[in-house]
N, C-alpha and C. Protein backbone atom coordinates (compact mmCIF):
# COMPACT_ATOMS: atom_id res chain seq x y z
N MET A 1 0.84 -1.19 0.00
CA MET A 1 0.00 0.00 0.00
C MET A 1 0.88 1.25 0.00
N THR A 2 0.67 2.13 -0.97
CA THR A 2 1.43 3.36 -1.06
C THR A 2 0.84 4.42 -0.14
N PRO A 3 1.60 4.93 0.84
CA PRO A 3 1.06 5.95 1.74
C PRO A 3 0.72 7.24 1.00
N LEU A 4 -0.30 7.94 1.49
CA LEU A 4 -0.66 9.26 0.99
C LEU A 4 -0.51 10.24 2.13
N THR A 5 0.53 11.08 2.06
CA THR A 5 0.81 11.99 3.17
C THR A 5 0.00 13.27 3.11
N ASP A 6 -0.60 13.57 1.95
CA ASP A 6 -1.43 14.77 1.85
C ASP A 6 -2.78 14.50 2.52
N HIS A 7 -3.28 15.48 3.24
CA HIS A 7 -4.53 15.34 3.98
C HIS A 7 -5.11 16.73 4.18
N PRO A 8 -6.42 16.90 4.03
CA PRO A 8 -6.99 18.25 4.11
C PRO A 8 -7.16 18.79 5.51
N ALA A 9 -6.98 17.96 6.55
CA ALA A 9 -7.29 18.42 7.90
C ALA A 9 -6.33 17.83 8.93
N LYS A 10 -5.04 17.96 8.69
CA LYS A 10 -4.06 17.53 9.68
C LYS A 10 -4.13 18.44 10.91
N PHE A 11 -3.70 17.89 12.07
CA PHE A 11 -3.50 18.77 13.21
C PHE A 11 -2.54 19.89 12.79
N SER A 12 -2.95 21.14 12.93
CA SER A 12 -2.06 22.27 12.63
C SER A 12 -1.04 22.42 13.76
N GLU A 13 0.01 23.20 13.50
CA GLU A 13 1.04 23.38 14.53
C GLU A 13 0.51 24.05 15.79
N PRO A 14 -0.36 25.07 15.70
CA PRO A 14 -0.93 25.61 16.96
C PRO A 14 -1.72 24.57 17.74
N ILE A 15 -2.45 23.71 17.04
CA ILE A 15 -3.18 22.64 17.71
C ILE A 15 -2.20 21.66 18.33
N MET A 16 -1.17 21.29 17.59
CA MET A 16 -0.17 20.34 18.10
C MET A 16 0.48 20.87 19.38
N GLU A 17 0.79 22.17 19.40
CA GLU A 17 1.43 22.75 20.58
C GLU A 17 0.55 22.61 21.81
N ARG A 18 -0.74 22.90 21.67
CA ARG A 18 -1.65 22.79 22.82
C ARG A 18 -1.81 21.32 23.24
N LEU A 19 -1.94 20.41 22.27
CA LEU A 19 -2.10 18.99 22.61
C LEU A 19 -0.88 18.46 23.36
N ARG A 20 0.31 18.89 22.93
CA ARG A 20 1.53 18.46 23.65
C ARG A 20 1.48 18.91 25.11
N ARG A 21 1.05 20.13 25.33
CA ARG A 21 1.00 20.66 26.70
C ARG A 21 0.00 19.85 27.54
N VAL A 22 -1.12 19.51 26.94
CA VAL A 22 -2.11 18.70 27.66
C VAL A 22 -1.53 17.34 28.03
N LEU A 23 -0.83 16.71 27.09
CA LEU A 23 -0.29 15.38 27.35
C LEU A 23 0.89 15.40 28.33
N VAL A 24 1.64 16.49 28.33
CA VAL A 24 2.68 16.63 29.36
C VAL A 24 2.03 16.64 30.74
N GLY A 25 0.91 17.33 30.87
CA GLY A 25 0.20 17.33 32.14
C GLY A 25 -0.28 15.95 32.54
N GLU A 26 -0.76 15.17 31.55
CA GLU A 26 -1.20 13.81 31.85
C GLU A 26 -0.02 12.92 32.23
N GLN A 27 1.12 13.12 31.61
CA GLN A 27 2.30 12.33 31.98
C GLN A 27 2.69 12.62 33.43
N ARG A 28 2.62 13.86 33.82
CA ARG A 28 2.93 14.21 35.21
C ARG A 28 1.92 13.58 36.16
N ARG A 29 0.67 13.59 35.77
CA ARG A 29 -0.38 13.01 36.62
C ARG A 29 -0.18 11.51 36.81
N LEU A 30 0.19 10.83 35.73
CA LEU A 30 0.33 9.37 35.76
C LEU A 30 1.69 8.92 36.27
N GLY A 31 2.71 9.78 36.12
CA GLY A 31 4.07 9.38 36.46
C GLY A 31 4.71 8.52 35.39
N ARG A 32 4.16 8.53 34.19
CA ARG A 32 4.68 7.78 33.05
C ARG A 32 4.04 8.33 31.78
N PRO A 33 4.60 8.02 30.60
CA PRO A 33 3.94 8.47 29.35
C PRO A 33 2.56 7.83 29.23
N PRO A 34 1.56 8.60 28.87
CA PRO A 34 0.22 8.04 28.73
C PRO A 34 0.08 7.20 27.46
N TRP A 35 -0.77 6.17 27.54
CA TRP A 35 -1.18 5.46 26.34
C TRP A 35 -2.31 6.26 25.69
N VAL A 36 -2.11 6.59 24.41
CA VAL A 36 -2.99 7.53 23.72
C VAL A 36 -3.60 6.85 22.49
N LEU A 37 -4.90 7.02 22.33
CA LEU A 37 -5.64 6.50 21.17
C LEU A 37 -6.18 7.66 20.34
N ASP A 38 -5.98 7.59 19.03
CA ASP A 38 -6.66 8.48 18.08
C ASP A 38 -7.49 7.63 17.14
N PRO A 39 -8.82 7.61 17.29
CA PRO A 39 -9.66 6.74 16.46
C PRO A 39 -9.96 7.30 15.07
N PHE A 40 -9.56 8.55 14.81
CA PHE A 40 -9.67 9.15 13.47
C PHE A 40 -8.29 9.70 13.11
N ALA A 41 -7.32 8.83 12.91
CA ALA A 41 -5.91 9.21 12.95
C ALA A 41 -5.38 9.91 11.71
N GLY A 42 -6.08 9.82 10.57
CA GLY A 42 -5.57 10.47 9.37
C GLY A 42 -4.16 9.99 9.03
N VAL A 43 -3.25 10.95 8.81
CA VAL A 43 -1.87 10.59 8.45
C VAL A 43 -0.98 10.39 9.68
N GLY A 44 -1.57 10.45 10.88
CA GLY A 44 -0.83 10.01 12.06
C GLY A 44 -0.05 11.06 12.81
N ARG A 45 -0.50 12.31 12.79
CA ARG A 45 0.25 13.32 13.55
C ARG A 45 0.17 13.09 15.06
N VAL A 46 -0.80 12.32 15.51
CA VAL A 46 -0.87 12.00 16.93
C VAL A 46 0.42 11.36 17.42
N HIS A 47 1.12 10.67 16.55
CA HIS A 47 2.33 9.94 16.96
C HIS A 47 3.50 10.89 17.25
N ARG A 48 3.38 12.15 16.87
CA ARG A 48 4.41 13.13 17.17
C ARG A 48 4.25 13.74 18.56
N LEU A 49 3.14 13.44 19.21
CA LEU A 49 2.82 14.12 20.46
C LEU A 49 3.48 13.50 21.68
N VAL A 50 3.72 12.20 21.63
CA VAL A 50 4.30 11.48 22.77
C VAL A 50 5.53 10.74 22.26
N PRO A 51 6.72 11.11 22.68
CA PRO A 51 7.94 10.52 22.12
C PRO A 51 8.20 9.09 22.56
N ALA A 52 7.42 8.57 23.50
CA ALA A 52 7.72 7.25 24.07
C ALA A 52 7.15 6.09 23.25
N GLY A 53 6.46 6.37 22.13
CA GLY A 53 5.89 5.28 21.35
C GLY A 53 4.67 4.66 21.99
N THR A 54 3.89 5.45 22.72
CA THR A 54 2.71 4.93 23.40
C THR A 54 1.43 5.47 22.77
N THR A 55 1.47 5.70 21.46
CA THR A 55 0.29 6.16 20.72
C THR A 55 -0.16 5.07 19.75
N ILE A 56 -1.48 4.96 19.59
CA ILE A 56 -2.07 4.05 18.62
C ILE A 56 -3.10 4.85 17.81
N GLY A 57 -3.06 4.71 16.50
CA GLY A 57 -4.04 5.36 15.64
C GLY A 57 -4.88 4.33 14.90
N VAL A 58 -6.12 4.71 14.63
CA VAL A 58 -7.01 3.92 13.78
C VAL A 58 -7.51 4.86 12.69
N GLU A 59 -7.40 4.43 11.44
CA GLU A 59 -7.79 5.25 10.30
C GLU A 59 -8.50 4.37 9.27
N ILE A 60 -9.62 4.85 8.76
CA ILE A 60 -10.43 4.02 7.87
C ILE A 60 -9.89 3.93 6.45
N GLU A 61 -9.17 4.98 6.00
CA GLU A 61 -8.66 4.98 4.62
C GLU A 61 -7.27 4.33 4.58
N PRO A 62 -7.10 3.28 3.78
CA PRO A 62 -5.85 2.52 3.81
C PRO A 62 -4.60 3.33 3.51
N ARG A 63 -4.64 4.25 2.55
CA ARG A 63 -3.41 4.97 2.19
C ARG A 63 -3.04 6.00 3.24
N TRP A 64 -3.99 6.53 3.99
CA TRP A 64 -3.65 7.40 5.11
C TRP A 64 -3.16 6.56 6.29
N ALA A 65 -3.78 5.42 6.52
CA ALA A 65 -3.33 4.54 7.60
C ALA A 65 -1.90 4.08 7.38
N ALA A 66 -1.51 3.93 6.12
CA ALA A 66 -0.17 3.43 5.79
C ALA A 66 0.94 4.44 6.07
N CYS A 67 0.59 5.65 6.49
CA CYS A 67 1.61 6.68 6.73
C CYS A 67 2.42 6.44 7.99
N HIS A 68 1.93 5.60 8.90
CA HIS A 68 2.68 5.39 10.15
C HIS A 68 2.47 3.96 10.63
N ARG A 69 3.53 3.35 11.11
CA ARG A 69 3.46 1.94 11.52
C ARG A 69 2.60 1.73 12.75
N ARG A 70 2.31 2.79 13.50
CA ARG A 70 1.46 2.64 14.69
C ARG A 70 0.01 3.06 14.42
N THR A 71 -0.31 3.27 13.14
CA THR A 71 -1.71 3.49 12.75
C THR A 71 -2.20 2.24 12.03
N PHE A 72 -3.40 1.81 12.40
CA PHE A 72 -3.99 0.60 11.83
C PHE A 72 -5.25 0.96 11.06
N GLN A 73 -5.45 0.31 9.94
CA GLN A 73 -6.64 0.55 9.15
C GLN A 73 -7.83 -0.11 9.85
N GLY A 74 -8.88 0.68 10.10
CA GLY A 74 -10.04 0.14 10.79
C GLY A 74 -11.12 1.20 10.92
N ASN A 75 -12.19 0.85 11.61
CA ASN A 75 -13.37 1.69 11.74
C ASN A 75 -13.52 2.15 13.18
N ALA A 76 -13.68 3.45 13.39
CA ALA A 76 -13.83 4.00 14.74
C ALA A 76 -15.07 3.49 15.45
N LEU A 77 -16.02 2.93 14.72
CA LEU A 77 -17.23 2.39 15.34
C LEU A 77 -17.04 0.99 15.90
N ALA A 78 -15.91 0.36 15.61
CA ALA A 78 -15.65 -1.00 16.09
C ALA A 78 -14.16 -1.12 16.39
N LEU A 79 -13.71 -0.56 17.48
CA LEU A 79 -12.29 -0.52 17.82
C LEU A 79 -11.84 -1.86 18.41
N PRO A 80 -10.69 -2.37 17.97
CA PRO A 80 -10.25 -3.69 18.39
C PRO A 80 -9.43 -3.67 19.69
N PHE A 81 -9.93 -2.96 20.70
CA PHE A 81 -9.19 -2.80 21.95
C PHE A 81 -10.08 -3.15 23.13
N ASP A 82 -9.44 -3.60 24.21
CA ASP A 82 -10.17 -3.89 25.43
C ASP A 82 -10.70 -2.60 26.06
N GLY A 83 -11.75 -2.73 26.83
CA GLY A 83 -12.25 -1.59 27.57
C GLY A 83 -11.22 -1.06 28.54
N GLY A 84 -11.10 0.26 28.60
CA GLY A 84 -10.19 0.90 29.54
C GLY A 84 -8.72 0.76 29.19
N ALA A 85 -8.40 0.49 27.91
CA ALA A 85 -7.01 0.22 27.53
C ALA A 85 -6.14 1.47 27.43
N PHE A 86 -6.74 2.66 27.35
CA PHE A 86 -5.98 3.88 27.07
C PHE A 86 -6.17 4.92 28.17
N ASP A 87 -5.10 5.67 28.40
CA ASP A 87 -5.15 6.77 29.37
C ASP A 87 -5.79 8.02 28.77
N CYS A 88 -5.64 8.19 27.46
CA CYS A 88 -6.15 9.39 26.78
C CYS A 88 -6.70 9.02 25.41
N VAL A 89 -7.74 9.68 25.02
CA VAL A 89 -8.17 9.73 23.63
C VAL A 89 -7.87 11.14 23.15
N VAL A 90 -7.11 11.25 22.07
CA VAL A 90 -6.77 12.55 21.47
C VAL A 90 -7.17 12.48 20.01
N VAL A 91 -8.11 13.32 19.60
CA VAL A 91 -8.72 13.11 18.29
C VAL A 91 -9.24 14.42 17.72
N SER A 92 -9.23 14.50 16.41
CA SER A 92 -9.94 15.55 15.68
C SER A 92 -10.86 14.86 14.68
N CYS A 93 -12.14 15.08 14.82
CA CYS A 93 -13.08 14.47 13.88
C CYS A 93 -13.41 15.46 12.78
N CYS A 94 -14.12 14.98 11.76
CA CYS A 94 -14.61 15.87 10.71
C CYS A 94 -15.59 16.88 11.32
N TYR A 95 -15.66 18.05 10.72
CA TYR A 95 -16.47 19.13 11.29
C TYR A 95 -17.88 19.21 10.70
N GLY A 96 -18.17 18.37 9.69
CA GLY A 96 -19.48 18.44 9.05
C GLY A 96 -19.63 19.62 8.12
N ASN A 97 -18.50 20.19 7.68
CA ASN A 97 -18.55 21.36 6.81
C ASN A 97 -18.38 20.95 5.34
N ARG A 98 -18.07 21.93 4.48
CA ARG A 98 -18.00 21.65 3.05
C ARG A 98 -16.81 20.78 2.67
N MET A 99 -15.94 20.47 3.61
CA MET A 99 -14.87 19.53 3.32
C MET A 99 -15.40 18.12 3.09
N ALA A 100 -16.69 17.91 3.37
CA ALA A 100 -17.33 16.62 3.08
C ALA A 100 -17.91 16.57 1.67
N ASP A 101 -17.80 17.64 0.91
CA ASP A 101 -18.28 17.62 -0.48
C ASP A 101 -17.56 16.52 -1.26
N SER A 102 -18.28 15.87 -2.16
CA SER A 102 -17.68 14.75 -2.89
C SER A 102 -17.85 14.84 -4.40
N HIS A 103 -18.48 15.91 -4.91
CA HIS A 103 -18.66 16.00 -6.36
C HIS A 103 -17.31 16.22 -7.04
N ASP A 104 -17.18 15.80 -8.26
CA ASP A 104 -15.95 15.97 -9.03
C ASP A 104 -15.94 17.36 -9.66
N ALA A 105 -14.93 18.15 -9.31
CA ALA A 105 -14.82 19.50 -9.86
C ALA A 105 -14.46 19.43 -11.34
N LYS A 106 -15.20 20.17 -12.16
CA LYS A 106 -14.96 20.18 -13.60
C LYS A 106 -14.37 21.50 -14.09
N ASP A 107 -14.34 22.51 -13.21
CA ASP A 107 -13.94 23.85 -13.64
C ASP A 107 -12.50 24.19 -13.29
N GLY A 108 -11.75 23.23 -12.78
CA GLY A 108 -10.35 23.49 -12.44
C GLY A 108 -10.17 24.21 -11.12
N SER A 109 -11.25 24.50 -10.40
CA SER A 109 -11.14 25.21 -9.13
C SER A 109 -10.62 24.27 -8.05
N ARG A 110 -10.07 24.87 -7.01
CA ARG A 110 -9.47 24.08 -5.93
C ARG A 110 -10.55 23.54 -5.01
N ARG A 111 -10.42 22.28 -4.64
CA ARG A 111 -11.34 21.65 -3.71
C ARG A 111 -10.52 21.00 -2.59
N ASN A 112 -10.51 21.62 -1.42
CA ASN A 112 -9.77 21.06 -0.30
C ASN A 112 -10.74 20.22 0.53
N THR A 113 -11.10 19.05 -0.02
CA THR A 113 -12.04 18.15 0.65
C THR A 113 -11.38 16.79 0.83
N TYR A 114 -11.99 15.99 1.68
CA TYR A 114 -11.45 14.65 1.91
C TYR A 114 -11.43 13.84 0.62
N ARG A 115 -12.53 13.88 -0.11
CA ARG A 115 -12.64 13.11 -1.35
C ARG A 115 -11.62 13.54 -2.39
N HIS A 116 -11.43 14.85 -2.58
CA HIS A 116 -10.56 15.33 -3.65
C HIS A 116 -9.08 15.17 -3.30
N VAL A 117 -8.75 15.35 -2.03
CA VAL A 117 -7.35 15.15 -1.64
C VAL A 117 -7.00 13.67 -1.71
N TYR A 118 -7.92 12.80 -1.31
CA TYR A 118 -7.64 11.37 -1.35
C TYR A 118 -7.53 10.86 -2.79
N GLY A 119 -8.27 11.47 -3.68
CA GLY A 119 -8.12 11.15 -5.10
C GLY A 119 -8.94 9.99 -5.60
N GLU A 120 -9.77 9.42 -4.75
CA GLU A 120 -10.63 8.30 -5.13
C GLU A 120 -11.77 8.24 -4.14
N PRO A 121 -12.84 7.50 -4.45
CA PRO A 121 -13.97 7.44 -3.51
C PRO A 121 -13.54 6.96 -2.13
N LEU A 122 -14.12 7.60 -1.11
CA LEU A 122 -13.83 7.24 0.27
C LEU A 122 -14.58 5.98 0.67
N GLN A 123 -14.10 5.33 1.73
CA GLN A 123 -14.82 4.20 2.28
C GLN A 123 -16.24 4.63 2.67
N PRO A 124 -17.25 3.80 2.44
CA PRO A 124 -18.64 4.20 2.73
C PRO A 124 -18.85 4.68 4.16
N ALA A 125 -18.11 4.11 5.12
CA ALA A 125 -18.29 4.49 6.52
C ALA A 125 -17.42 5.68 6.95
N ASN A 126 -16.70 6.29 6.01
CA ASN A 126 -15.83 7.42 6.35
C ASN A 126 -16.69 8.62 6.74
N THR A 127 -16.45 9.17 7.93
CA THR A 127 -17.24 10.32 8.38
C THR A 127 -16.94 11.57 7.57
N GLY A 128 -15.87 11.54 6.77
CA GLY A 128 -15.58 12.65 5.87
C GLY A 128 -16.57 12.79 4.74
N THR A 129 -17.53 11.87 4.65
CA THR A 129 -18.59 11.98 3.66
C THR A 129 -19.84 12.65 4.22
N LEU A 130 -19.83 13.00 5.52
CA LEU A 130 -21.05 13.46 6.19
C LEU A 130 -21.08 14.98 6.36
N GLN A 131 -22.11 15.60 5.83
CA GLN A 131 -22.38 17.00 6.12
C GLN A 131 -23.05 17.10 7.49
N TRP A 132 -22.96 18.28 8.09
CA TRP A 132 -23.59 18.53 9.38
C TRP A 132 -25.09 18.25 9.29
N GLY A 133 -25.59 17.43 10.19
CA GLY A 133 -27.01 17.07 10.19
C GLY A 133 -27.23 15.84 11.03
N PRO A 134 -28.43 15.24 10.98
CA PRO A 134 -28.75 14.10 11.84
C PRO A 134 -27.82 12.91 11.67
N ALA A 135 -27.46 12.55 10.43
CA ALA A 135 -26.58 11.40 10.22
C ALA A 135 -25.20 11.65 10.83
N TYR A 136 -24.68 12.86 10.64
CA TYR A 136 -23.38 13.23 11.24
C TYR A 136 -23.44 13.07 12.76
N ARG A 137 -24.49 13.58 13.37
CA ARG A 137 -24.59 13.54 14.83
C ARG A 137 -24.74 12.10 15.33
N SER A 138 -25.52 11.30 14.64
CA SER A 138 -25.72 9.92 15.06
C SER A 138 -24.43 9.10 15.00
N VAL A 139 -23.69 9.23 13.91
CA VAL A 139 -22.46 8.46 13.74
C VAL A 139 -21.41 8.88 14.77
N HIS A 140 -21.28 10.18 14.99
CA HIS A 140 -20.25 10.62 15.94
C HIS A 140 -20.62 10.27 17.38
N ALA A 141 -21.90 10.29 17.72
CA ALA A 141 -22.29 9.85 19.06
C ALA A 141 -21.90 8.38 19.27
N ALA A 142 -22.08 7.56 18.23
CA ALA A 142 -21.69 6.15 18.33
C ALA A 142 -20.17 6.00 18.40
N ALA A 143 -19.45 6.78 17.62
CA ALA A 143 -17.99 6.72 17.65
C ALA A 143 -17.45 7.13 19.02
N TRP A 144 -18.06 8.14 19.62
CA TRP A 144 -17.57 8.57 20.94
C TRP A 144 -17.89 7.53 22.01
N ALA A 145 -19.02 6.85 21.88
CA ALA A 145 -19.32 5.79 22.83
C ALA A 145 -18.27 4.69 22.77
N GLU A 146 -17.83 4.35 21.58
CA GLU A 146 -16.81 3.32 21.41
C GLU A 146 -15.47 3.79 21.93
N ALA A 147 -15.10 5.05 21.67
CA ALA A 147 -13.83 5.57 22.17
C ALA A 147 -13.83 5.66 23.69
N VAL A 148 -14.95 6.09 24.27
CA VAL A 148 -15.03 6.18 25.73
C VAL A 148 -14.95 4.79 26.37
N ARG A 149 -15.49 3.78 25.70
CA ARG A 149 -15.34 2.40 26.18
C ARG A 149 -13.86 2.03 26.35
N CYS A 150 -13.03 2.51 25.43
CA CYS A 150 -11.60 2.18 25.44
C CYS A 150 -10.80 3.05 26.39
N LEU A 151 -11.42 4.06 26.98
CA LEU A 151 -10.74 5.00 27.86
C LEU A 151 -10.82 4.52 29.30
N ALA A 152 -9.68 4.51 29.98
CA ALA A 152 -9.65 4.06 31.37
C ALA A 152 -10.40 5.03 32.28
N PRO A 153 -10.98 4.54 33.37
CA PRO A 153 -11.55 5.46 34.37
C PRO A 153 -10.48 6.46 34.83
N GLY A 154 -10.86 7.70 34.88
CA GLY A 154 -9.91 8.77 35.19
C GLY A 154 -9.18 9.29 33.98
N GLY A 155 -9.39 8.66 32.82
CA GLY A 155 -8.70 9.07 31.61
C GLY A 155 -9.26 10.35 31.01
N LEU A 156 -8.48 10.95 30.11
CA LEU A 156 -8.82 12.24 29.53
C LEU A 156 -9.19 12.08 28.06
N PHE A 157 -10.29 12.68 27.66
CA PHE A 157 -10.74 12.72 26.28
C PHE A 157 -10.49 14.13 25.75
N VAL A 158 -9.65 14.25 24.73
CA VAL A 158 -9.25 15.55 24.19
C VAL A 158 -9.70 15.62 22.74
N LEU A 159 -10.55 16.58 22.42
CA LEU A 159 -11.14 16.70 21.09
C LEU A 159 -10.82 18.05 20.48
N ASN A 160 -10.27 18.03 19.27
CA ASN A 160 -10.08 19.22 18.44
C ASN A 160 -11.28 19.34 17.51
N ILE A 161 -12.05 20.43 17.64
CA ILE A 161 -13.29 20.56 16.88
C ILE A 161 -13.49 22.03 16.51
N SER A 162 -14.45 22.29 15.64
CA SER A 162 -14.73 23.67 15.25
C SER A 162 -16.17 23.80 14.78
N ASP A 163 -16.76 24.95 15.07
CA ASP A 163 -18.00 25.34 14.41
C ASP A 163 -17.68 25.76 12.97
N HIS A 164 -18.72 25.94 12.17
CA HIS A 164 -18.53 26.50 10.84
C HIS A 164 -19.78 27.28 10.46
N ILE A 165 -19.68 28.01 9.37
CA ILE A 165 -20.78 28.85 8.91
C ILE A 165 -21.39 28.24 7.66
N ARG A 166 -22.71 28.13 7.66
CA ARG A 166 -23.43 27.64 6.50
C ARG A 166 -24.68 28.49 6.31
N GLY A 167 -24.87 28.95 5.10
CA GLY A 167 -26.01 29.82 4.84
C GLY A 167 -25.98 31.09 5.67
N GLY A 168 -24.78 31.54 6.01
CA GLY A 168 -24.63 32.76 6.79
C GLY A 168 -24.83 32.59 8.28
N GLU A 169 -25.06 31.36 8.75
CA GLU A 169 -25.30 31.13 10.18
C GLU A 169 -24.27 30.16 10.75
N VAL A 170 -23.89 30.42 11.99
CA VAL A 170 -22.95 29.53 12.66
C VAL A 170 -23.63 28.22 13.00
N GLN A 171 -22.98 27.11 12.65
CA GLN A 171 -23.46 25.78 13.02
C GLN A 171 -22.73 25.36 14.30
N HIS A 172 -23.48 25.04 15.33
CA HIS A 172 -22.90 24.86 16.67
C HIS A 172 -22.43 23.41 16.85
N VAL A 173 -21.41 23.07 16.11
CA VAL A 173 -20.85 21.72 16.12
C VAL A 173 -20.15 21.43 17.44
N THR A 174 -19.41 22.39 17.95
CA THR A 174 -18.66 22.19 19.19
C THR A 174 -19.59 21.86 20.35
N ALA A 175 -20.68 22.58 20.45
CA ALA A 175 -21.63 22.34 21.55
C ALA A 175 -22.22 20.94 21.45
N PHE A 176 -22.52 20.49 20.23
CA PHE A 176 -23.04 19.13 20.07
C PHE A 176 -22.07 18.10 20.63
N HIS A 177 -20.79 18.21 20.25
CA HIS A 177 -19.82 17.21 20.70
C HIS A 177 -19.63 17.25 22.22
N ALA A 178 -19.61 18.45 22.79
CA ALA A 178 -19.48 18.56 24.24
C ALA A 178 -20.65 17.90 24.95
N LEU A 179 -21.86 18.10 24.43
CA LEU A 179 -23.04 17.49 25.04
C LEU A 179 -23.04 15.98 24.84
N ALA A 180 -22.64 15.52 23.66
CA ALA A 180 -22.61 14.08 23.40
C ALA A 180 -21.64 13.38 24.34
N LEU A 181 -20.49 13.98 24.57
CA LEU A 181 -19.51 13.39 25.48
C LEU A 181 -20.01 13.45 26.94
N GLY A 182 -20.69 14.53 27.28
CA GLY A 182 -21.26 14.61 28.61
C GLY A 182 -22.30 13.54 28.87
N ARG A 183 -23.08 13.20 27.85
CA ARG A 183 -24.08 12.14 28.00
C ARG A 183 -23.44 10.77 28.22
N LEU A 184 -22.18 10.64 27.83
CA LEU A 184 -21.45 9.38 28.03
C LEU A 184 -20.76 9.34 29.39
N GLY A 185 -21.02 10.33 30.22
CA GLY A 185 -20.49 10.32 31.58
C GLY A 185 -19.18 11.07 31.76
N LEU A 186 -18.70 11.74 30.71
CA LEU A 186 -17.48 12.52 30.84
C LEU A 186 -17.82 13.89 31.43
N GLU A 187 -16.89 14.41 32.22
CA GLU A 187 -17.09 15.72 32.83
C GLU A 187 -16.10 16.72 32.27
N TRP A 188 -16.60 17.90 31.97
CA TRP A 188 -15.75 18.96 31.41
C TRP A 188 -14.62 19.28 32.38
N GLU A 189 -13.42 19.42 31.80
CA GLU A 189 -12.27 19.80 32.60
C GLU A 189 -11.68 21.13 32.14
N ASP A 190 -11.59 21.34 30.83
CA ASP A 190 -11.03 22.60 30.32
C ASP A 190 -11.33 22.70 28.83
N ASP A 191 -11.18 23.90 28.30
CA ASP A 191 -11.25 24.07 26.85
C ASP A 191 -10.41 25.28 26.46
N TRP A 192 -9.94 25.27 25.22
CA TRP A 192 -9.06 26.32 24.72
C TRP A 192 -9.44 26.70 23.29
N PRO A 193 -9.70 27.97 23.03
CA PRO A 193 -9.79 28.41 21.64
C PRO A 193 -8.39 28.51 21.06
N VAL A 194 -8.20 28.07 19.83
CA VAL A 194 -6.90 28.09 19.19
C VAL A 194 -7.04 28.78 17.84
N ASP A 195 -6.33 29.88 17.67
CA ASP A 195 -6.35 30.58 16.38
C ASP A 195 -5.57 29.77 15.35
N THR A 196 -6.21 29.47 14.23
CA THR A 196 -5.58 28.72 13.16
C THR A 196 -5.89 29.39 11.82
N ALA A 197 -5.16 28.98 10.79
CA ALA A 197 -5.27 29.65 9.49
C ALA A 197 -6.62 29.42 8.85
N ARG A 198 -7.23 28.26 9.06
CA ARG A 198 -8.51 27.88 8.51
C ARG A 198 -8.44 27.71 6.99
N ASN A 199 -9.48 27.08 6.45
CA ASN A 199 -9.60 26.84 5.02
C ASN A 199 -10.14 28.11 4.35
N ARG A 200 -9.45 28.62 3.36
CA ARG A 200 -9.85 29.88 2.73
C ARG A 200 -10.50 29.70 1.37
N ASN A 201 -10.99 28.50 1.11
CA ASN A 201 -11.66 28.23 -0.15
C ASN A 201 -13.14 27.99 0.09
N GLY A 202 -13.94 28.11 -0.98
CA GLY A 202 -15.34 27.74 -0.91
C GLY A 202 -16.28 28.92 -0.74
N ALA A 203 -17.57 28.58 -0.63
CA ALA A 203 -18.63 29.58 -0.66
C ALA A 203 -18.60 30.52 0.53
N ASN A 204 -18.09 30.08 1.67
CA ASN A 204 -18.08 30.91 2.88
C ASN A 204 -16.71 31.48 3.19
N ALA A 205 -15.86 31.64 2.16
CA ALA A 205 -14.47 32.08 2.40
C ALA A 205 -14.40 33.43 3.09
N SER A 206 -15.38 34.30 2.86
CA SER A 206 -15.34 35.64 3.47
C SER A 206 -15.95 35.66 4.86
N ALA A 207 -16.50 34.54 5.33
CA ALA A 207 -17.14 34.51 6.64
C ALA A 207 -16.76 33.21 7.34
N ARG A 208 -15.64 33.24 8.03
CA ARG A 208 -15.13 32.05 8.69
C ARG A 208 -15.19 32.18 10.20
N VAL A 209 -15.47 31.09 10.89
CA VAL A 209 -15.24 31.04 12.32
C VAL A 209 -13.74 31.15 12.51
N ASP A 210 -13.30 32.07 13.37
CA ASP A 210 -11.88 32.46 13.37
C ASP A 210 -11.00 31.58 14.25
N HIS A 211 -11.55 30.53 14.88
CA HIS A 211 -10.72 29.69 15.73
C HIS A 211 -11.28 28.28 15.75
N GLU A 212 -10.43 27.35 16.12
CA GLU A 212 -10.84 26.00 16.46
C GLU A 212 -10.86 25.89 17.98
N THR A 213 -11.40 24.81 18.48
CA THR A 213 -11.50 24.62 19.93
C THR A 213 -10.94 23.26 20.30
N ILE A 214 -10.25 23.20 21.43
CA ILE A 214 -9.84 21.93 22.02
C ILE A 214 -10.63 21.77 23.32
N LEU A 215 -11.36 20.66 23.41
CA LEU A 215 -12.13 20.32 24.60
C LEU A 215 -11.40 19.22 25.37
N ALA A 216 -11.37 19.31 26.67
CA ALA A 216 -10.82 18.26 27.51
C ALA A 216 -11.87 17.85 28.53
N LEU A 217 -12.24 16.56 28.50
CA LEU A 217 -13.24 16.01 29.40
C LEU A 217 -12.68 14.76 30.06
N ARG A 218 -13.04 14.54 31.33
CA ARG A 218 -12.47 13.46 32.12
C ARG A 218 -13.52 12.36 32.34
N LYS A 219 -13.09 11.11 32.14
CA LYS A 219 -13.94 9.96 32.47
C LYS A 219 -13.83 9.69 33.96
N GLN A 220 -14.93 9.71 34.61
CA GLN A 220 -14.90 9.62 36.06
C GLN A 220 -14.62 8.18 36.52
N ALA A 221 -13.79 8.04 37.52
CA ALA A 221 -13.52 6.73 38.11
C ALA A 221 -14.72 6.30 38.95
N PRO A 222 -15.00 5.00 39.00
CA PRO A 222 -16.10 4.52 39.83
C PRO A 222 -15.90 4.89 41.30
N ARG A 223 -16.96 5.25 41.96
CA ARG A 223 -16.85 5.58 43.38
C ARG A 223 -16.83 4.31 44.22
N PRO A 224 -16.03 4.28 45.26
CA PRO A 224 -15.97 3.08 46.12
C PRO A 224 -17.36 2.70 46.64
N GLY A 225 -17.66 1.41 46.56
CA GLY A 225 -18.93 0.92 47.10
C GLY A 225 -20.09 0.98 46.15
N LEU A 226 -19.89 1.59 44.95
CA LEU A 226 -20.97 1.69 43.98
C LEU A 226 -20.71 0.69 42.85
N PRO A 227 -21.77 0.12 42.26
CA PRO A 227 -21.58 -0.84 41.17
C PRO A 227 -20.98 -0.15 39.95
N THR A 228 -20.15 -0.88 39.17
CA THR A 228 -19.52 -0.33 37.97
C THR A 228 -20.28 -0.77 36.76
């Protein structure tokens, strides 16, 4: 399998800097490098965050999965790991914006989408095919339930996400993900707005949400004497 290192939504350097700081804090808390899972790993930038080789990625597209030996081709809805196997989940999911467009451009214009960068049809279960709406919300709620299953009690779930503008209105994607994770029993710990360059192509190029967000939520450990 020939790796494809180009990707429309890699962790940017400002995002990487914040994620490293979060994981340094987790290493101090644990007294060792954390085991980290990225269930939407893309080209595998998660592996640059922890130098100890304690990161595992899962990516649905084979040529993106082939970019790193610690990324495995698979589906975030069916992770092949035991419950509680990881100290942290660190992930950036698709935002449900126009990067999910899949039509073939005929006019020579630039299309910075998952489909066009990959250069061939995406796997049917790839969330990069989903525009913001009920199907997007349903699939991501299921993916987060599976990721939280793999997260140890006391573990940290770190999500890079962003709102976007459609039809002149802000779509509140970040709030949806925060609520979905809260319904799975995670408790908010912190969040950070991160200024990034953003995608400057497409119909909403003149009206962009000016930052991405990193959310950090903690999986609560069972209380003594209560059933798990």
